[in-house]
Amino acid sequence: MNMHNPAHAGQLIQEWLDGLKSEGTPITLTELAKNIQVTRATLSRIIHGHATLTADIALRLNAALGISAHLLMKVQANYDIWQASQKPRPNITPILAHA
């Protein structure tokens, strides 16, 4: 299990947008949200790590920006699993004993 806090998918999206800006193709959050047909607030919450990236939005970002939906979802899953691992859980007894 990873012993560090992995990045939220929103961080990767922000880095992608920063890269576009540095290449001379800036796109605002408002423009991107309108293009992928979500609210600016929804996209902002994802980028700032306050909301989970869904597969649907990952596919929309893939269509709009060319960023890999699979990569975005893998990053989000790693983040979600790490976050869940930090919370108390009940003691679970394994059903199958490993030899």
Foldseek 3Di string as FASTA:
>chain_A
DDPDQADALLCVVVVLQVVCVVVVRHDDLCRLCVQLVHHSVVSVCRNVVNDHDDLSVLVSCCVVPVPHSVVSVVSNVVNVVVVVVVDDDDDDDDPDDDD
